[in-house]
Amino acid sequence: MNYLLSIDQGTTGSTSLLIDAKTFKILDKEKVDYRQIFPNPSWVEHDLEDIWSSVESSITTILKRQNIKANDILAIGITNQRETTCAYDKSGKPLHHAIVWQDRRTAEYCEKRREEYKRSCQLKTGLPLDPYFSGTKMRWLLDNSPAVKGAADTGNLCLSTIDTFLLFRLSNGRSFFTEPSNASRTMLMNLETFNWDDELIRFFGLSKSFLPEIKESFSHFGVTQGCSFLPDGIPVLSILGDQQAALFGQACVNSGDIKCTYGTGAFLLLNTGNEIIHSKTGLLTTAAFFHEGKKTYALEGAAYIAGAAVQWLRDNLQIIKSSSDVERLAGSITNLNDMAPVLFLPFFTGIGTPYWNSDAKAAILGLTRGTSDAHIALACLEGIALSVNDSVSSFKKDFDHLNDIKVDGGACANNLLMQLQSNFSQKKILRPQVIDTTAYGVALGAMVGRKELALNDLSQFWKLEKEFSPNNEPYFSVKKEFWNKTIQKFFT
């Protein structure tokens, strides 16, 4: 048994990562995309069978390509898109499409109950009442899906995030567990106790019997059983939500450590140690991980759209052929003064931190007849960096000490975007050699679960690839002021 298998179940596809258990070198990875379902405007769904098939396909492909027997897998780690909500019965059969974290269908429900929630629940969860999180999605499923309601009435309902669904399927229904980094995103877990909270469950009209048991993040969650593509008996030893897995993979295990993951959206986590910090500036308070009885917390900032904005340039405006082309096109602008009036607001699914405005819409402002594709491309990258900087600015106000920002995710390969981020945030940006830190993080977590690694060992696996230092040109402070004034005028 010489290999670790990481399952990274993401928003647009499932990735399997194969890692040498002795050297911790990444040997191979395979991503399998699956369809996105849009039943109505602002609704986003996934078919759980599509997700399961993509996981199976990615694992099968990687093992075949490397000519590795599945019996040689030492342990499995799972990381996942977090707030996406699943409903299935106790045989593992899906009862409804999963409702994706991006989905906004519960916005009206949130608006009606926001003040009540703020008074009685928000300190317990660390989260605002927003369609982003799982609790309102679970309530919607019970109210609107006859199959879900029928399963609830007969005691045959499982409600969970993606991690639990995958674990349930991998174990042939024997393991129904989650852990705090995922559970904390449901609005049902008490941050003080890391347990489901009766008052929160009552607020949403749910039942604890629908929900999985919460275990520590690096635990023996169960073993594979009855899978056509894996032998029985492989232990699942690590589960983390995707952003917390990236934090862990970046060796951000000390208070003040911070990372930003650039994917479909951009998500920042700041490790606050064993201290629960209730933000005064619109950040989320969340669980980072739970290990050997020690609770570790984080502050989180979210920009709903990052890489997806570049995809919009590619697919809708068609000004680039591939996402990687945006750096060359944007980089052709050499006179930043030309960019002063052009502002790209990438709010296709609302604004996250710190405004939490689900009604906000995307826009490009300041266009003239002289505006070119290159101007729009650079404004797009600036819009991503400025959205991320809104969270960084909030971190600076809520927490005394921020270390340099470690970055990961596909879009961090864009050197221009990383330099813009450093310029707008006035922080050093550190890009590691391994940018698949989400999947890598749960592989390291699996070895922690085996008690073969300690948290202090993680830093030896983090290697710097490139550092970006801030530029103090006046342009960047002027553009930040323009950004802030525009948001204040139109969206607050």
Protein backbone atom coordinates (compact mmCIF):
# COMPACT_ATOMS: atom_id res chain seq x y z
CA MET A 1 0.00 0.00 0.00
CA ASN A 2 2.00 2.94 -1.33
CA TYR A 3 -0.50 5.52 -2.51
CA LEU A 4 -2.96 8.11 -1.23
CA LEU A 5 -6.10 8.93 -3.20
CA SER A 6 -7.69 12.36 -2.94
CA ILE A 7 -11.20 12.96 -4.22
CA ASP A 8 -11.79 16.65 -4.94
CA GLN A 9 -15.46 17.03 -5.78
CA GLY A 10 -15.80 20.52 -7.24
CA THR A 11 -18.50 22.71 -8.71
CA THR A 12 -17.85 21.92 -12.37
CA GLY A 13 -16.10 18.55 -12.13
CA SER A 14 -14.56 15.88 -9.94
CA THR A 15 -10.78 15.49 -9.71
CA SER A 16 -8.84 12.52 -8.43
CA LEU A 17 -5.27 13.01 -7.28
CA LEU A 18 -2.82 10.14 -6.79
CA ILE A 19 0.01 10.81 -4.34
CA ASP A 20 3.01 8.75 -3.30
CA ALA A 21 2.49 8.05 0.41
CA LYS A 22 6.23 8.07 1.12
CA THR A 23 7.47 11.09 -0.81
CA PHE A 24 4.16 13.02 -0.98
CA LYS A 25 4.84 13.68 -4.64
CA ILE A 26 1.78 14.12 -6.85
CA LEU A 27 1.91 11.32 -9.42
CA ASP A 28 -1.15 12.07 -11.51
CA LYS A 29 -4.52 13.76 -11.56
CA GLU A 30 -7.66 13.45 -13.61
CA LYS A 31 -10.64 15.80 -13.78
CA VAL A 32 -14.00 14.75 -15.19
CA ASP A 33 -16.53 17.52 -15.79
CA TYR A 34 -20.25 17.03 -15.50
CA ARG A 35 -23.31 19.01 -16.56
CA GLN A 36 -24.63 22.13 -14.89
CA ILE A 37 -28.42 22.30 -14.61
CA PHE A 38 -30.24 25.67 -14.65
CA PRO A 39 -33.98 25.05 -14.18
CA ASN A 40 -34.80 28.74 -13.65
CA PRO A 41 -32.92 32.03 -13.54
CA SER A 42 -30.56 32.06 -10.51
CA TRP A 43 -31.19 28.34 -9.88
CA VAL A 44 -28.23 25.94 -10.17
CA GLU A 45 -28.48 22.17 -9.69
CA HIS A 46 -26.34 19.05 -10.06
CA ASP A 47 -27.49 15.49 -10.65
CA LEU A 48 -25.96 13.41 -7.85
CA GLU A 49 -25.62 10.45 -10.21
CA ASP A 50 -23.59 12.65 -12.56
CA ILE A 51 -21.34 13.57 -9.64
CA TRP A 52 -20.93 9.94 -8.57
CA SER A 53 -20.16 8.88 -12.17
CA SER A 54 -17.55 11.62 -12.51
CA VAL A 55 -15.85 10.48 -9.29
CA GLU A 56 -15.84 6.87 -10.47
CA SER A 57 -14.53 7.83 -13.91
CA SER A 58 -11.72 10.03 -12.59
CA ILE A 59 -10.51 7.32 -10.18
CA THR A 60 -10.73 4.56 -12.79
CA THR A 61 -8.83 6.62 -15.36
CA ILE A 62 -6.00 7.58 -13.04
CA LEU A 63 -5.45 4.05 -11.75
CA LYS A 64 -5.48 2.61 -15.26
CA ARG A 65 -3.13 5.27 -16.62
CA GLN A 66 -0.63 4.70 -13.81
CA ASN A 67 -1.07 0.91 -13.97
CA ILE A 68 -1.70 0.86 -10.23
CA LYS A 69 -3.82 -1.70 -8.47
CA ALA A 70 -6.56 -0.24 -6.31
CA ASN A 71 -5.38 -2.58 -3.54
CA ASP A 72 -2.25 -0.41 -3.28
CA ILE A 73 -4.23 2.62 -2.03
CA LEU A 74 -3.41 3.24 1.60
CA ALA A 75 -6.12 5.77 2.42
CA ILE A 76 -8.64 8.18 0.89
CA GLY A 77 -9.24 11.87 1.59
CA ILE A 78 -12.37 13.71 0.45
CA THR A 79 -12.75 17.41 -0.20
CA ASN A 80 -15.79 19.01 -1.73
CA GLN A 81 -17.84 22.01 -2.77
CA ARG A 82 -19.30 22.84 0.61
CA GLU A 83 -22.79 24.32 0.80
CA THR A 84 -24.21 22.27 -2.08
CA THR A 85 -27.09 20.31 -0.56
CA CYS A 86 -28.06 16.70 -1.20
CA ALA A 87 -31.24 14.75 -0.47
CA TYR A 88 -31.21 10.95 -0.76
CA ASP A 89 -32.78 7.96 0.90
CA LYS A 90 -31.09 5.42 3.14
CA SER A 91 -30.23 3.23 0.17
CA GLY A 92 -28.26 6.15 -1.30
CA LYS A 93 -30.79 6.87 -4.05
CA PRO A 94 -31.04 10.61 -4.85
CA LEU A 95 -34.47 12.13 -4.19
CA HIS A 96 -33.82 15.45 -5.95
CA HIS A 97 -31.04 17.18 -7.80
CA ALA A 98 -28.45 18.69 -5.48
CA ILE A 99 -28.98 22.43 -4.95
CA VAL A 100 -25.63 24.12 -5.64
CA TRP A 101 -23.98 26.71 -3.39
CA GLN A 102 -24.42 29.34 -6.13
CA ASP A 103 -28.21 28.84 -6.19
CA ARG A 104 -30.28 31.85 -5.08
CA ARG A 105 -33.79 30.38 -4.99
CA THR A 106 -34.20 30.93 -1.24
CA ALA A 107 -33.48 34.68 -1.37
CA GLU A 108 -37.09 35.61 -0.55
CA TYR A 109 -37.15 33.20 2.41
CA CYS A 110 -33.93 34.77 3.71
CA GLU A 111 -35.27 38.28 3.32
CA LYS A 112 -38.41 37.48 5.32
CA ARG A 113 -36.58 35.83 8.23
CA ARG A 114 -33.29 37.72 8.29
CA GLU A 115 -33.97 39.90 11.34
CA GLU A 116 -35.39 37.00 13.34
CA TYR A 117 -32.34 34.91 12.47
CA LYS A 118 -29.93 37.72 13.32
CA ARG A 119 -31.45 38.08 16.80
CA SER A 120 -31.53 34.40 17.74
CA CYS A 121 -29.10 32.43 15.59
CA GLN A 122 -26.25 34.36 13.98
CA LEU A 123 -23.84 34.33 16.93
CA LYS A 124 -24.15 30.54 17.08
CA THR A 125 -23.44 30.00 13.38
CA GLY A 126 -21.08 32.86 12.49
CA LEU A 127 -23.02 33.17 9.22
CA PRO A 128 -25.60 35.61 7.87
CA LEU A 129 -28.91 34.22 6.66
CA ASP A 130 -28.14 33.89 2.96
CA PRO A 131 -29.18 31.50 0.14
CA TYR A 132 -25.50 30.52 -0.11
CA PHE A 133 -25.70 28.22 2.91
CA SER A 134 -27.30 24.78 3.20
CA GLY A 135 -30.02 25.25 5.82
CA THR A 136 -32.39 27.22 3.60
CA LYS A 137 -31.81 24.76 0.74
CA MET A 138 -32.81 21.86 3.02
CA ARG A 139 -35.96 23.74 4.01
CA TRP A 140 -36.79 24.37 0.35
CA LEU A 141 -36.39 20.67 -0.51
CA LEU A 142 -38.80 19.65 2.25
CA ASP A 143 -41.33 22.26 1.14
CA ASN A 144 -41.10 21.68 -2.61
CA SER A 145 -40.05 18.09 -3.35
CA PRO A 146 -42.75 15.42 -2.80
CA ALA A 147 -40.06 12.73 -2.82
CA VAL A 148 -38.06 14.48 -0.09
CA LYS A 149 -41.14 15.13 2.02
CA GLY A 150 -42.27 11.53 1.58
CA ALA A 151 -38.89 10.22 2.71
CA ALA A 152 -38.99 12.54 5.73
CA ASP A 153 -42.44 11.30 6.71
CA THR A 154 -41.30 7.66 6.59
CA GLY A 155 -37.96 8.17 8.35
CA ASN A 156 -36.04 7.43 5.14
CA LEU A 157 -34.43 10.83 4.49
CA CYS A 158 -30.76 11.82 4.45
CA LEU A 159 -29.90 15.51 4.10
CA SER A 160 -26.25 16.46 3.82
CA THR A 161 -23.47 18.23 2.03
CA ILE A 162 -21.52 16.52 -0.78
CA ASP A 163 -18.84 15.01 1.48
CA THR A 164 -21.38 12.88 3.32
CA PHE A 165 -23.07 11.72 0.11
CA LEU A 166 -19.74 10.53 -1.32
CA LEU A 167 -18.81 8.81 1.94
CA PHE A 168 -22.23 7.16 2.08
CA ARG A 169 -21.83 5.80 -1.46
CA LEU A 170 -18.20 4.73 -0.95
CA SER A 171 -19.16 2.79 2.19
CA ASN A 172 -22.32 1.26 0.73
CA GLY A 173 -24.47 3.21 3.18
CA ARG A 174 -22.56 2.23 6.29
CA SER A 175 -20.98 5.61 7.04
CA PHE A 176 -23.21 8.67 7.51
CA PHE A 177 -20.77 11.25 8.83
CA THR A 178 -19.53 14.78 8.23
CA GLU A 179 -17.04 17.07 10.00
CA PRO A 180 -17.03 20.71 11.16
CA SER A 181 -15.63 22.50 8.11
CA ASN A 182 -18.65 21.26 6.16
CA ALA A 183 -21.17 21.21 9.00
CA SER A 184 -20.37 24.83 9.87
CA ARG A 185 -21.68 25.87 6.42
CA THR A 186 -25.19 24.56 7.01
CA MET A 187 -26.30 27.17 9.59
CA LEU A 188 -27.21 24.18 11.78
CA MET A 189 -23.95 23.67 13.71
CA ASN A 190 -23.04 25.54 16.90
CA LEU A 191 -19.53 26.99 16.56
CA GLU A 192 -18.87 26.71 20.28
CA THR A 193 -19.64 22.99 20.51
CA PHE A 194 -19.09 21.68 16.95
CA ASN A 195 -22.43 19.86 17.34
CA TRP A 196 -25.82 20.24 15.68
CA ASP A 197 -27.82 22.82 17.63
CA ASP A 198 -31.45 22.12 18.54
CA GLU A 199 -32.48 25.79 18.31
CA LEU A 200 -30.95 26.17 14.85
CA ILE A 201 -32.59 22.97 13.63
CA ARG A 202 -35.96 24.17 14.92
CA PHE A 203 -35.50 27.55 13.21
CA PHE A 204 -35.37 25.84 9.84
CA GLY A 205 -38.03 23.28 10.70
CA LEU A 206 -35.72 20.32 10.25
CA SER A 207 -34.98 17.19 12.27
CA LYS A 208 -31.63 16.01 13.62
CA SER A 209 -32.55 12.52 12.36
CA PHE A 210 -32.05 13.75 8.78
CA LEU A 211 -28.45 14.82 9.46
CA PRO A 212 -25.12 12.95 9.64
CA GLU A 213 -23.02 12.62 12.78
CA ILE A 214 -20.21 15.18 13.10
CA LYS A 215 -16.72 13.70 13.64
CA GLU A 216 -13.23 15.23 13.85
CA SER A 217 -11.75 16.25 10.48
CA PHE A 218 -9.00 13.61 10.52
CA SER A 219 -10.87 10.52 11.66
CA HIS A 220 -11.63 6.98 10.61
CA PHE A 221 -14.84 7.79 8.73
CA GLY A 222 -15.32 4.26 7.40
CA VAL A 223 -14.06 1.98 4.66
CA THR A 224 -14.95 1.36 1.04
CA GLN A 225 -17.47 -1.36 0.43
CA GLY A 226 -19.38 -2.56 -2.60
CA CYS A 227 -17.78 -0.14 -5.11
CA SER A 228 -17.23 -1.53 -8.58
CA PHE A 229 -14.05 0.54 -9.02
CA LEU A 230 -12.38 0.16 -5.59
CA PRO A 231 -11.78 -2.88 -3.37
CA ASP A 232 -13.43 -3.18 0.01
CA GLY A 233 -11.58 -1.98 3.07
CA ILE A 234 -9.79 1.24 2.03
CA PRO A 235 -10.19 3.70 4.94
CA VAL A 236 -11.43 7.26 4.48
CA LEU A 237 -9.29 9.20 6.97
CA SER A 238 -9.72 12.85 6.10
CA ILE A 239 -12.64 15.06 5.08
CA LEU A 240 -12.51 18.84 4.67
CA GLY A 241 -14.59 21.36 2.76
CA ASP A 242 -12.71 22.64 -0.25
CA GLN A 243 -11.61 25.98 1.19
CA GLN A 244 -10.47 24.49 4.48
CA ALA A 245 -8.64 21.74 2.58
CA ALA A 246 -6.78 24.42 0.64
CA LEU A 247 -5.94 26.18 3.92
CA PHE A 248 -4.56 22.90 5.24
CA GLY A 249 -2.70 22.13 2.01
CA GLN A 250 -1.08 25.58 2.21
CA ALA A 251 0.21 24.68 5.71
CA CYS A 252 -1.83 27.54 7.16
CA VAL A 253 -2.11 25.91 10.57
CA ASN A 254 -1.09 28.93 12.67
CA SER A 255 -3.07 31.98 13.70
CA GLY A 256 -2.63 34.78 11.15
CA ASP A 257 -2.01 32.45 8.20
CA ILE A 258 -4.16 33.33 5.19
CA LYS A 259 -4.88 31.79 1.81
CA CYS A 260 -6.96 32.66 -1.24
CA THR A 261 -8.23 30.02 -3.65
CA TYR A 262 -9.09 31.23 -7.16
CA GLY A 263 -11.61 28.90 -8.75
CA THR A 264 -15.12 29.53 -10.06
CA GLY A 265 -15.24 32.05 -7.23
CA ALA A 266 -12.46 33.26 -4.96
CA PHE A 267 -12.47 32.31 -1.31
CA LEU A 268 -10.17 33.50 1.44
CA LEU A 269 -9.62 31.92 4.83
CA LEU A 270 -7.72 33.46 7.73
CA ASN A 271 -6.72 31.07 10.52
CA THR A 272 -7.72 32.63 13.87
CA GLY A 273 -6.52 29.72 16.02
CA ASN A 274 -8.74 28.63 18.88
CA GLU A 275 -10.46 32.02 18.97
CA ILE A 276 -13.94 32.63 17.55
CA ILE A 277 -13.82 36.10 15.96
CA HIS A 278 -17.23 37.62 15.20
CA SER A 279 -16.59 39.96 12.31
CA LYS A 280 -17.71 43.58 12.41
CA THR A 281 -17.02 44.01 8.70
CA GLY A 282 -19.09 41.34 6.95
CA LEU A 283 -16.75 38.35 7.11
CA LEU A 284 -17.97 34.86 7.95
CA THR A 285 -16.86 33.00 11.05
CA THR A 286 -16.35 29.33 10.35
CA ALA A 287 -14.62 26.14 11.44
CA ALA A 288 -11.17 25.51 9.95
CA PHE A 289 -10.62 21.95 11.22
CA PHE A 290 -11.06 19.79 14.32
CA HIS A 291 -8.16 17.62 15.50
CA GLU A 292 -7.49 15.71 18.73
CA GLY A 293 -10.16 17.65 20.57
CA LYS A 294 -8.76 21.04 19.48
CA LYS A 295 -11.10 23.36 17.58
CA THR A 296 -9.47 25.67 15.03
CA TYR A 297 -11.46 28.57 13.61
CA ALA A 298 -11.22 30.89 10.63
CA LEU A 299 -12.60 34.08 9.20
CA GLU A 300 -13.73 33.75 5.61
CA GLY A 301 -14.29 36.11 2.73
CA ALA A 302 -16.11 35.10 -0.44
CA ALA A 303 -16.18 36.53 -3.94
CA TYR A 304 -18.78 34.47 -5.79
CA ILE A 305 -17.20 35.07 -9.18
CA ALA A 306 -13.50 34.86 -10.08
CA GLY A 307 -12.47 32.40 -12.79
CA ALA A 308 -16.10 32.36 -13.97
CA ALA A 309 -15.69 36.01 -15.06
CA VAL A 310 -12.89 35.00 -17.41
CA GLN A 311 -15.05 32.14 -18.68
CA TRP A 312 -17.73 34.74 -19.46
CA LEU A 313 -15.24 36.67 -21.58
CA ARG A 314 -14.49 33.42 -23.39
CA ASP A 315 -17.97 31.98 -23.80
CA ASN A 316 -20.24 35.02 -23.98
CA LEU A 317 -18.17 37.90 -25.33
CA GLN A 318 -15.85 35.48 -27.19
CA ILE A 319 -12.93 37.90 -26.99
CA ILE A 320 -10.56 35.06 -25.98
CA LYS A 321 -10.42 31.45 -27.16
CA SER A 322 -9.20 29.94 -23.89
CA SER A 323 -9.13 31.26 -20.34
CA SER A 324 -5.33 31.42 -20.35
CA ASP A 325 -5.46 33.93 -23.23
CA VAL A 326 -6.77 36.64 -20.93
CA GLU A 327 -3.35 37.36 -19.44
CA ARG A 328 -1.77 38.11 -22.81
CA LEU A 329 -4.73 40.25 -23.95
CA ALA A 330 -4.98 42.21 -20.70
CA GLY A 331 -1.21 42.60 -20.55
CA SER A 332 -1.18 44.42 -23.88
CA ILE A 333 -2.48 47.53 -22.07
CA THR A 334 0.67 49.43 -21.17
CA ASN A 335 -0.83 52.78 -20.20
CA LEU A 336 -2.89 52.35 -17.04
CA ASN A 337 -4.30 55.87 -17.41
CA ASP A 338 -6.41 54.48 -20.25
CA MET A 339 -8.01 52.13 -17.73
CA ALA A 340 -9.09 54.73 -15.18
CA PRO A 341 -12.79 54.96 -16.18
CA VAL A 342 -13.32 51.26 -17.01
CA LEU A 343 -14.73 49.17 -14.17
CA PHE A 344 -15.78 45.53 -14.42
CA LEU A 345 -18.18 44.47 -11.64
CA PRO A 346 -18.22 40.63 -11.75
CA PHE A 347 -21.43 40.25 -9.73
CA PHE A 348 -23.13 37.62 -11.90
CA THR A 349 -24.52 35.84 -8.81
CA GLY A 350 -24.64 38.75 -6.39
CA ILE A 351 -22.00 40.19 -4.07
CA GLY A 352 -20.47 38.17 -1.26
CA THR A 353 -18.16 39.67 1.35
CA PRO A 354 -18.63 42.20 2.83
CA TYR A 355 -21.97 43.36 1.39
CA TRP A 356 -23.95 40.11 0.97
CA ASN A 357 -26.26 41.53 -1.68
CA SER A 358 -27.90 38.66 -3.56
CA ASP A 359 -29.72 41.08 -5.90
CA ALA A 360 -26.56 42.71 -7.31
CA LYS A 361 -25.93 42.25 -11.02
CA ALA A 362 -22.75 42.35 -13.07
CA ALA A 363 -21.84 45.42 -15.10
CA ILE A 364 -19.07 47.06 -17.11
CA LEU A 365 -18.89 50.80 -16.54
CA GLY A 366 -16.96 53.61 -18.20
CA LEU A 367 -17.08 52.32 -21.77
CA THR A 368 -16.20 54.69 -24.62
CA ARG A 369 -15.83 54.16 -28.36
CA GLY A 370 -12.12 53.75 -27.67
CA THR A 371 -12.62 50.83 -25.29
CA SER A 372 -11.08 47.65 -26.71
CA ASP A 373 -11.20 43.96 -25.92
CA ALA A 374 -7.91 44.41 -24.07
CA HIS A 375 -9.39 47.11 -21.83
CA ILE A 376 -12.30 44.83 -20.94
CA ALA A 377 -9.95 41.90 -20.29
CA LEU A 378 -7.77 43.95 -17.93
CA ALA A 379 -10.85 45.43 -16.22
CA CYS A 380 -12.09 41.86 -15.68
CA LEU A 381 -8.86 40.85 -13.92
CA GLU A 382 -8.97 44.05 -11.89
CA GLY A 383 -12.58 43.30 -10.91
CA ILE A 384 -11.56 39.87 -9.62
CA ALA A 385 -8.65 41.31 -7.64
CA LEU A 386 -10.78 44.14 -6.23
CA SER A 387 -13.50 41.69 -5.16
CA VAL A 388 -10.88 39.65 -3.32
CA ASN A 389 -9.41 42.80 -1.82
CA ASP A 390 -12.77 43.63 -0.22
CA SER A 391 -12.23 40.55 1.95
CA VAL A 392 -8.57 41.40 2.63
CA SER A 393 -9.61 44.89 3.77
CA SER A 394 -12.13 43.32 6.14
CA PHE A 395 -9.51 40.93 7.51
CA LYS A 396 -7.23 43.88 8.29
CA LYS A 397 -10.01 45.56 10.30
CA ASP A 398 -11.10 42.45 12.22
CA PHE A 399 -7.76 40.80 13.02
CA ASP A 400 -4.50 42.22 14.33
CA HIS A 401 -1.98 40.27 12.29
CA LEU A 402 -2.12 38.97 8.72
CA ASN A 403 0.74 37.00 7.23
CA ASP A 404 1.51 37.06 3.50
CA ILE A 405 -1.30 35.71 1.30
CA LYS A 406 -0.77 32.21 -0.05
CA VAL A 407 -2.68 31.52 -3.27
CA ASP A 408 -3.87 28.43 -5.09
CA GLY A 409 -6.46 27.33 -7.62
CA GLY A 410 -6.33 27.43 -11.40
CA ALA A 411 -6.46 31.21 -11.87
CA CYS A 412 -3.46 31.82 -9.59
CA ALA A 413 -1.30 30.69 -12.53
CA ASN A 414 -2.13 34.08 -14.09
CA ASN A 415 0.90 36.23 -13.20
CA LEU A 416 -0.85 39.48 -14.09
CA LEU A 417 -3.81 38.71 -11.84
CA MET A 418 -1.49 37.86 -8.95
CA GLN A 419 0.46 41.11 -9.42
CA LEU A 420 -2.79 43.08 -9.52
CA GLN A 421 -3.86 41.33 -6.32
CA SER A 422 -0.65 42.31 -4.59
CA ASN A 423 -1.01 45.89 -5.81
CA PHE A 424 -4.62 46.32 -4.69
CA SER A 425 -4.22 44.47 -1.38
CA GLN A 426 -0.75 45.81 -0.55
CA LYS A 427 0.36 42.38 0.61
CA LYS A 428 2.91 39.91 -0.70
CA ILE A 429 1.33 37.11 -2.72
CA LEU A 430 3.01 33.71 -2.40
CA ARG A 431 2.31 31.06 -5.03
CA PRO A 432 3.45 27.52 -4.13
CA GLN A 433 4.88 24.90 -6.42
CA VAL A 434 1.78 22.76 -5.83
CA ILE A 435 -1.36 24.74 -6.66
CA ASP A 436 -3.70 21.73 -6.34
CA THR A 437 -3.66 22.44 -2.63
CA THR A 438 -7.29 21.45 -2.08
CA ALA A 439 -6.79 17.80 -3.04
CA TYR A 440 -3.25 17.84 -1.67
CA GLY A 441 -4.55 19.11 1.67
CA VAL A 442 -6.84 16.15 2.28
CA ALA A 443 -4.07 13.75 1.26
CA LEU A 444 -1.89 15.27 3.97
CA GLY A 445 -4.96 15.11 6.22
CA ALA A 446 -5.26 11.38 5.59
CA MET A 447 -1.72 10.91 6.88
CA VAL A 448 -2.61 13.01 9.92
CA GLY A 449 -5.57 10.67 10.32
CA ARG A 450 -3.13 7.74 10.25
CA LYS A 451 -1.06 9.56 12.90
CA GLU A 452 1.94 9.51 10.59
CA LEU A 453 2.03 13.31 10.31
CA ALA A 454 1.56 16.06 12.90
CA LEU A 455 0.28 19.56 12.12
CA ASN A 456 3.78 20.97 12.65
CA ASP A 457 5.08 18.70 9.87
CA LEU A 458 2.99 20.34 7.14
CA SER A 459 5.32 23.28 6.48
CA GLN A 460 8.01 20.96 5.09
CA PHE A 461 5.71 20.12 2.15
CA TRP A 462 5.06 23.77 1.18
CA LYS A 463 7.52 25.15 -1.41
CA LEU A 464 7.47 28.65 -2.91
CA GLU A 465 7.27 28.92 -6.69
CA LYS A 466 6.87 32.70 -7.16
CA GLU A 467 6.43 35.78 -4.97
CA PHE A 468 4.61 38.96 -6.01
CA SER A 469 5.36 42.20 -4.13
CA PRO A 470 3.06 45.25 -4.10
CA ASN A 471 3.49 48.22 -6.42
CA ASN A 472 2.58 51.56 -4.81
CA GLU A 473 1.59 53.45 -7.96
CA PRO A 474 -1.22 55.95 -7.23
CA TYR A 475 -3.37 54.30 -9.93
CA PHE A 476 -4.23 51.37 -7.67
CA SER A 477 -5.46 53.45 -4.75
CA VAL A 478 -7.49 55.64 -7.15
CA LYS A 479 -9.06 52.56 -8.74
CA LYS A 480 -9.90 51.12 -5.33
CA GLU A 481 -11.64 54.37 -4.39
CA PHE A 482 -13.63 54.31 -7.66
CA TRP A 483 -14.61 50.69 -6.95
CA ASN A 484 -15.73 51.44 -3.40
CA LYS A 485 -17.75 54.50 -4.36
CA THR A 486 -19.50 52.61 -7.17
CA ILE A 487 -20.54 49.75 -4.91
CA GLN A 488 -21.70 52.13 -2.20
CA LYS A 489 -23.79 54.04 -4.74
CA PHE A 490 -25.49 51.12 -6.49
CA PHE A 491 -25.46 48.11 -4.18
CA THR A 492 -25.70 49.18 -0.54
